[in-house]
Amino acid sequence: MSEPTERILLYHYFERSAGPFRNLSALADEDAERIAARLREEGRSFAGKRSADYLAIRRELELRARSIFAGKGGRPSSDYPHYMTLGACPWLETWYVNPGVITIDWDDFAAEALSFTYGDLFPTMRVADGRPYRRQVYTKEEIVAVIAQHGLPQQWNPEGALGPERYIEVQVWDAAAVQAYLEEA
C-alpha cells in the first residue's frame, strides 16, 4: 500500500465585499484606473497605497510573465492571470478590510495554466539583488525544485525582514478554471 501524498493548496485572498477573483486587469484601462484611484482615495486597504503608475507596471509585468511562461510550454488561455499563493500567507489577510480566503488543491488546475514566481510578481520581476529566483517565472514542475532549494518564503520570511518575498505567487492563466469559485461566493 502506498503512502498518501500531501495535498498542496493554493490560496486566494480577497475583500469579501468585492468577492473572489476580481481583477483590475480584466477591466478596460479607464475603468481600472477609476477603481484604482477610488481605492487610493479611500486608503483603507493595501490596494489604496499603490502608486499612480501601478496599473501600467502591472500590465507590463503580466505580459512579460505570460511570455516567459508560454516560452516554457505553458498554455495561457487568458491575457492576464488571476492571483493565488502556494500555501497560506496570513500576512495577505492584512491587505483587506474584511478578508476572505478560498483554498483550491493545485491538482484541480491544469499544469499548463499555472505559473509561479518566488515572491510577488512585482518585486520578483523588478528587484535586482542577485538572488537566483529574480526575474524568473516557473512551471509547476520547476517550482517544486525551487522550494526544495530555498524553502517557502512564508516560513523563512513571514515578517518581510529578509527581503520582499513573503510567499510564492501563483498566476492562474485560465479564467474558466476559477469560474466555479465565482459562482460559489
C-alpha atoms as a PDB file:
ATOM      1  CA  MET A   1       0.000   0.000   0.000  1.00  0.00           C
ATOM      2  CA  SER A   2       1.432   3.362  -0.973  1.00  0.00           C
ATOM      3  CA  GLU A   3       1.555   6.340   1.382  1.00  0.00           C
ATOM      4  CA  PRO A   4      -0.928   9.122   0.718  1.00  0.00           C
ATOM      5  CA  THR A   5       0.605  12.205  -0.834  1.00  0.00           C
ATOM      6  CA  GLU A   6       0.240  15.538   0.901  1.00  0.00           C
ATOM      7  CA  ARG A   7      -2.241  17.885  -0.733  1.00  0.00           C
ATOM      8  CA  ILE A   8      -0.765  21.150  -1.961  1.00  0.00           C
ATOM      9  CA  LEU A   9      -3.180  24.013  -1.547  1.00  0.00           C
ATOM     10  CA  LEU A  10      -3.358  27.301  -3.371  1.00  0.00           C
ATOM     11  CA  TYR A  11      -4.859  30.278  -1.535  1.00  0.00           C
ATOM     12  CA  HIS A  12      -6.777  33.223  -2.938  1.00  0.00           C
ATOM     13  CA  TYR A  13      -7.210  36.198  -0.588  1.00  0.00           C
ATOM     14  CA  PHE A  14      -9.846  38.808  -1.353  1.00  0.00           C
ATOM     15  CA  GLU A  15     -12.057  41.552   0.030  1.00  0.00           C
ATOM     16  CA  ARG A  16     -15.361  39.921   0.990  1.00  0.00           C
ATOM     17  CA  SER A  17     -17.446  42.897  -0.131  1.00  0.00           C
ATOM     18  CA  ALA A  18     -15.966  42.624  -3.648  1.00  0.00           C
ATOM     19  CA  GLY A  19     -15.864  38.827  -3.890  1.00  0.00           C
ATOM     20  CA  PRO A  20     -13.130  36.458  -5.069  1.00  0.00           C
ATOM     21  CA  PHE A  21     -11.133  36.619  -8.274  1.00  0.00           C
ATOM     22  CA  ARG A  22     -11.996  40.246  -9.003  1.00  0.00           C
ATOM     23  CA  ASN A  23      -9.240  41.503 -11.241  1.00  0.00           C
ATOM     24  CA  LEU A  24      -8.300  45.026 -12.324  1.00  0.00           C
ATOM     25  CA  SER A  25      -6.506  43.532 -15.317  1.00  0.00           C
ATOM     26  CA  ALA A  26      -9.842  42.265 -16.630  1.00  0.00           C
ATOM     27  CA  LEU A  27     -11.145  45.817 -16.967  1.00  0.00           C
ATOM     28  CA  ALA A  28     -10.674  48.416 -19.661  1.00  0.00           C
ATOM     29  CA  ASP A  29      -7.867  50.839 -18.808  1.00  0.00           C
ATOM     30  CA  GLU A  30     -10.241  53.689 -17.916  1.00  0.00           C
ATOM     31  CA  ASP A  31     -12.389  51.531 -15.634  1.00  0.00           C
ATOM     32  CA  ALA A  32      -9.362  50.011 -13.909  1.00  0.00           C
ATOM     33  CA  GLU A  33      -7.801  53.452 -13.402  1.00  0.00           C
ATOM     34  CA  ARG A  34     -11.065  54.791 -11.953  1.00  0.00           C
ATOM     35  CA  ILE A  35     -11.273  51.946  -9.428  1.00  0.00           C
ATOM     36  CA  ALA A  36      -7.573  52.236  -8.537  1.00  0.00           C
ATOM     37  CA  ALA A  37      -7.990  55.992  -7.979  1.00  0.00           C
ATOM     38  CA  ARG A  38     -11.024  55.359  -5.739  1.00  0.00           C
ATOM     39  CA  LEU A  39      -9.073  52.807  -3.705  1.00  0.00           C
ATOM     40  CA  ARG A  40      -6.178  55.265  -3.310  1.00  0.00           C
ATOM     41  CA  GLU A  41      -8.611  57.982  -2.241  1.00  0.00           C
ATOM     42  CA  GLU A  42     -10.249  55.702   0.354  1.00  0.00           C
ATOM     43  CA  GLY A  43      -6.851  54.466   1.554  1.00  0.00           C
ATOM     44  CA  ARG A  44      -8.454  51.708   3.641  1.00  0.00           C
ATOM     45  CA  SER A  45      -6.771  48.681   2.091  1.00  0.00           C
ATOM     46  CA  PHE A  46      -3.364  47.702   0.767  1.00  0.00           C
ATOM     47  CA  ALA A  47      -4.573  48.484  -2.770  1.00  0.00           C
ATOM     48  CA  GLY A  48      -5.173  52.058  -1.649  1.00  0.00           C
ATOM     49  CA  LYS A  49      -1.453  52.505  -1.005  1.00  0.00           C
ATOM     50  CA  ARG A  50      -0.308  51.656  -4.526  1.00  0.00           C
ATOM     51  CA  SER A  51       1.340  54.265  -6.736  1.00  0.00           C
ATOM     52  CA  ALA A  52      -0.475  56.037  -9.561  1.00  0.00           C
ATOM     53  CA  ASP A  53       1.544  54.084 -12.160  1.00  0.00           C
ATOM     54  CA  TYR A  54       0.702  50.708 -10.586  1.00  0.00           C
ATOM     55  CA  LEU A  55      -1.646  49.536 -13.362  1.00  0.00           C
ATOM     56  CA  ALA A  56       0.769  50.358 -16.179  1.00  0.00           C
ATOM     57  CA  ILE A  57       3.560  48.476 -14.409  1.00  0.00           C
ATOM     58  CA  ARG A  58       1.234  45.578 -13.604  1.00  0.00           C
ATOM     59  CA  ARG A  59       0.127  45.169 -17.216  1.00  0.00           C
ATOM     60  CA  GLU A  60       3.754  45.208 -18.423  1.00  0.00           C
ATOM     61  CA  LEU A  61       4.819  42.618 -15.837  1.00  0.00           C
ATOM     62  CA  GLU A  62       1.851  40.381 -16.637  1.00  0.00           C
ATOM     63  CA  LEU A  63       2.769  40.459 -20.329  1.00  0.00           C
ATOM     64  CA  ARG A  64       6.367  39.571 -19.510  1.00  0.00           C
ATOM     65  CA  ALA A  65       5.338  36.728 -17.172  1.00  0.00           C
ATOM     66  CA  ARG A  66       2.886  35.382 -19.760  1.00  0.00           C
ATOM     67  CA  SER A  67       5.572  35.415 -22.453  1.00  0.00           C
ATOM     68  CA  ILE A  68       8.151  33.649 -20.268  1.00  0.00           C
ATOM     69  CA  PHE A  69       5.585  31.056 -19.203  1.00  0.00           C
ATOM     70  CA  ALA A  70       4.469  30.384 -22.783  1.00  0.00           C
ATOM     71  CA  GLY A  71       8.130  30.024 -23.755  1.00  0.00           C
ATOM     72  CA  LYS A  72       8.422  27.218 -21.202  1.00  0.00           C
ATOM     73  CA  GLY A  73       5.464  25.325 -22.620  1.00  0.00           C
ATOM     74  CA  GLY A  74       2.706  26.945 -20.603  1.00  0.00           C
ATOM     75  CA  ARG A  75      -0.602  27.440 -22.397  1.00  0.00           C
ATOM     76  CA  PRO A  76      -2.162  30.590 -21.001  1.00  0.00           C
ATOM     77  CA  SER A  77      -5.704  30.959 -22.293  1.00  0.00           C
ATOM     78  CA  SER A  78      -6.171  34.354 -20.618  1.00  0.00           C
ATOM     79  CA  ASP A  79      -4.345  37.592 -21.366  1.00  0.00           C
ATOM     80  CA  TYR A  80      -3.898  38.225 -17.631  1.00  0.00           C
ATOM     81  CA  PRO A  81      -3.683  35.919 -14.615  1.00  0.00           C
ATOM     82  CA  HIS A  82      -5.744  35.503 -11.504  1.00  0.00           C
ATOM     83  CA  TYR A  83      -3.529  35.509  -8.439  1.00  0.00           C
ATOM     84  CA  MET A  84      -3.118  32.954  -5.676  1.00  0.00           C
ATOM     85  CA  THR A  85      -0.370  31.840  -3.308  1.00  0.00           C
ATOM     86  CA  LEU A  86       1.207  28.437  -2.905  1.00  0.00           C
ATOM     87  CA  GLY A  87       0.455  27.709   0.728  1.00  0.00           C
ATOM     88  CA  ALA A  88      -1.088  30.006   3.278  1.00  0.00           C
ATOM     89  CA  CYS A  89       0.218  33.516   3.869  1.00  0.00           C
ATOM     90  CA  PRO A  90      -1.653  35.115   6.793  1.00  0.00           C
ATOM     91  CA  TRP A  91       0.066  38.448   6.101  1.00  0.00           C
ATOM     92  CA  LEU A  92      -2.069  38.815   2.959  1.00  0.00           C
ATOM     93  CA  GLU A  93      -5.202  38.964   5.095  1.00  0.00           C
ATOM     94  CA  THR A  94      -3.932  42.330   6.369  1.00  0.00           C
ATOM     95  CA  TRP A  95      -4.343  43.732   2.838  1.00  0.00           C
ATOM     96  CA  TYR A  96      -8.135  43.730   3.232  1.00  0.00           C
ATOM     97  CA  VAL A  97     -10.685  45.396   5.485  1.00  0.00           C
ATOM     98  CA  ASN A  98     -12.831  42.233   5.650  1.00  0.00           C
ATOM     99  CA  PRO A  99     -10.664  39.433   4.232  1.00  0.00           C
ATOM    100  CA  GLY A 100     -11.879  36.217   2.700  1.00  0.00           C
ATOM    101  CA  VAL A 101      -9.889  33.235   1.514  1.00  0.00           C
ATOM    102  CA  ILE A 102     -10.528  30.359  -0.860  1.00  0.00           C
ATOM    103  CA  THR A 103      -8.312  27.257  -0.955  1.00  0.00           C
ATOM    104  CA  ILE A 104      -8.022  25.057  -4.015  1.00  0.00           C
ATOM    105  CA  ASP A 105      -5.912  21.931  -4.489  1.00  0.00           C
ATOM    106  CA  TRP A 106      -3.252  22.671  -7.083  1.00  0.00           C
ATOM    107  CA  ASP A 107      -4.140  19.429  -8.853  1.00  0.00           C
ATOM    108  CA  ASP A 108      -7.539  20.974  -9.651  1.00  0.00           C
ATOM    109  CA  PHE A 109      -5.757  23.125 -12.257  1.00  0.00           C
ATOM    110  CA  ALA A 110      -4.043  22.016 -15.452  1.00  0.00           C
ATOM    111  CA  ALA A 111      -0.280  22.403 -15.053  1.00  0.00           C
ATOM    112  CA  GLU A 112      -0.195  24.329 -18.353  1.00  0.00           C
ATOM    113  CA  ALA A 113      -2.396  27.032 -16.789  1.00  0.00           C
ATOM    114  CA  LEU A 114      -0.254  27.733 -13.690  1.00  0.00           C
ATOM    115  CA  SER A 115       2.930  29.740 -13.470  1.00  0.00           C
ATOM    116  CA  PHE A 116       4.795  30.687 -10.316  1.00  0.00           C
ATOM    117  CA  THR A 117       7.072  33.434  -9.090  1.00  0.00           C
ATOM    118  CA  TYR A 118       9.178  33.115  -5.965  1.00  0.00           C
ATOM    119  CA  GLY A 119       7.608  36.110  -4.307  1.00  0.00           C
ATOM    120  CA  ASP A 120       5.073  38.604  -5.583  1.00  0.00           C
ATOM    121  CA  LEU A 121       5.306  39.335  -9.304  1.00  0.00           C
ATOM    122  CA  PHE A 122       6.274  42.988  -8.694  1.00  0.00           C
ATOM    123  CA  PRO A 123       9.451  42.573  -6.646  1.00  0.00           C
ATOM    124  CA  THR A 124      10.337  39.272  -8.319  1.00  0.00           C
ATOM    125  CA  MET A 125      10.470  40.925 -11.743  1.00  0.00           C
ATOM    126  CA  ARG A 126      11.801  44.325 -10.638  1.00  0.00           C
ATOM    127  CA  VAL A 127      14.282  43.862  -7.786  1.00  0.00           C
ATOM    128  CA  ALA A 128      17.882  43.311  -8.914  1.00  0.00           C
ATOM    129  CA  ASP A 129      19.681  41.859  -5.888  1.00  0.00           C
ATOM    130  CA  GLY A 130      21.321  38.821  -7.459  1.00  0.00           C
ATOM    131  CA  ARG A 131      19.013  36.246  -5.906  1.00  0.00           C
ATOM    132  CA  PRO A 132      18.643  33.365  -8.385  1.00  0.00           C
ATOM    133  CA  TYR A 133      14.842  33.450  -8.480  1.00  0.00           C
ATOM    134  CA  ARG A 134      14.595  37.113  -9.539  1.00  0.00           C
ATOM    135  CA  ARG A 135      13.055  37.771 -12.948  1.00  0.00           C
ATOM    136  CA  GLN A 136      12.091  34.103 -13.185  1.00  0.00           C
ATOM    137  CA  VAL A 137       8.737  32.518 -13.931  1.00  0.00           C
ATOM    138  CA  TYR A 138       8.440  28.843 -13.081  1.00  0.00           C
ATOM    139  CA  THR A 139       6.286  25.960 -14.209  1.00  0.00           C
ATOM    140  CA  LYS A 140       4.591  23.653 -11.717  1.00  0.00           C
ATOM    141  CA  GLU A 141       7.417  21.122 -12.087  1.00  0.00           C
ATOM    142  CA  GLU A 142      10.126  23.761 -11.707  1.00  0.00           C
ATOM    143  CA  ILE A 143       8.680  25.392  -8.583  1.00  0.00           C
ATOM    144  CA  VAL A 144       8.954  22.100  -6.687  1.00  0.00           C
ATOM    145  CA  ALA A 145      12.751  22.165  -7.186  1.00  0.00           C
ATOM    146  CA  VAL A 146      12.919  25.867  -6.236  1.00  0.00           C
ATOM    147  CA  ILE A 147      11.063  25.149  -2.986  1.00  0.00           C
ATOM    148  CA  ALA A 148      13.384  22.215  -2.259  1.00  0.00           C
ATOM    149  CA  GLN A 149      16.340  24.588  -2.617  1.00  0.00           C
ATOM    150  CA  HIS A 150      15.007  27.783  -0.991  1.00  0.00           C
ATOM    151  CA  GLY A 151      12.017  26.714   1.144  1.00  0.00           C
ATOM    152  CA  LEU A 152       8.726  28.584   1.409  1.00  0.00           C
ATOM    153  CA  PRO A 153       9.140  32.345   1.958  1.00  0.00           C
ATOM    154  CA  GLN A 154       6.170  32.314   4.362  1.00  0.00           C
ATOM    155  CA  GLN A 155       8.298  30.117   6.634  1.00  0.00           C
ATOM    156  CA  TRP A 156      11.678  31.850   6.468  1.00  0.00           C
ATOM    157  CA  ASN A 157      10.473  35.437   5.940  1.00  0.00           C
ATOM    158  CA  PRO A 158       6.963  35.855   7.401  1.00  0.00           C
ATOM    159  CA  GLU A 159       7.564  39.465   8.502  1.00  0.00           C
ATOM    160  CA  GLY A 160       9.428  40.541   5.340  1.00  0.00           C
ATOM    161  CA  ALA A 161      12.615  41.436   7.231  1.00  0.00           C
ATOM    162  CA  LEU A 162      14.807  39.349   4.909  1.00  0.00           C
ATOM    163  CA  GLY A 163      13.549  40.714   1.582  1.00  0.00           C
ATOM    164  CA  PRO A 164      10.356  41.307  -0.365  1.00  0.00           C
ATOM    165  CA  GLU A 165       9.500  37.645  -0.877  1.00  0.00           C
ATOM    166  CA  ARG A 166       6.871  36.580   1.645  1.00  0.00           C
ATOM    167  CA  TYR A 167       5.052  33.947  -0.410  1.00  0.00           C
ATOM    168  CA  ILE A 168       5.167  32.116  -3.711  1.00  0.00           C
ATOM    169  CA  GLU A 169       2.724  33.725  -6.085  1.00  0.00           C
ATOM    170  CA  VAL A 170       0.673  31.567  -8.430  1.00  0.00           C
ATOM    171  CA  GLN A 171      -0.567  33.024 -11.685  1.00  0.00           C
ATOM    172  CA  VAL A 172      -3.671  31.191 -12.928  1.00  0.00           C
ATOM    173  CA  TRP A 173      -3.827  31.802 -16.687  1.00  0.00           C
ATOM    174  CA  ASP A 174      -7.287  30.288 -17.202  1.00  0.00           C
ATOM    175  CA  ALA A 175     -10.318  32.389 -16.246  1.00  0.00           C
ATOM    176  CA  ALA A 176     -12.648  29.411 -16.769  1.00  0.00           C
ATOM    177  CA  ALA A 177     -10.758  27.458 -14.096  1.00  0.00           C
ATOM    178  CA  VAL A 178     -11.813  29.925 -11.383  1.00  0.00           C
ATOM    179  CA  GLN A 179     -15.360  30.450 -12.669  1.00  0.00           C
ATOM    180  CA  ALA A 180     -16.887  27.870 -10.315  1.00  0.00           C
ATOM    181  CA  TYR A 181     -15.462  29.757  -7.343  1.00  0.00           C
ATOM    182  CA  LEU A 182     -17.062  32.987  -8.505  1.00  0.00           C
ATOM    183  CA  GLU A 183     -20.433  31.259  -8.617  1.00  0.00           C
ATOM    184  CA  GLU A 184     -19.992  29.765  -5.116  1.00  0.00           C
ATOM    185  CA  ALA A 185     -19.168  33.107  -3.493  1.00  0.00           C
END
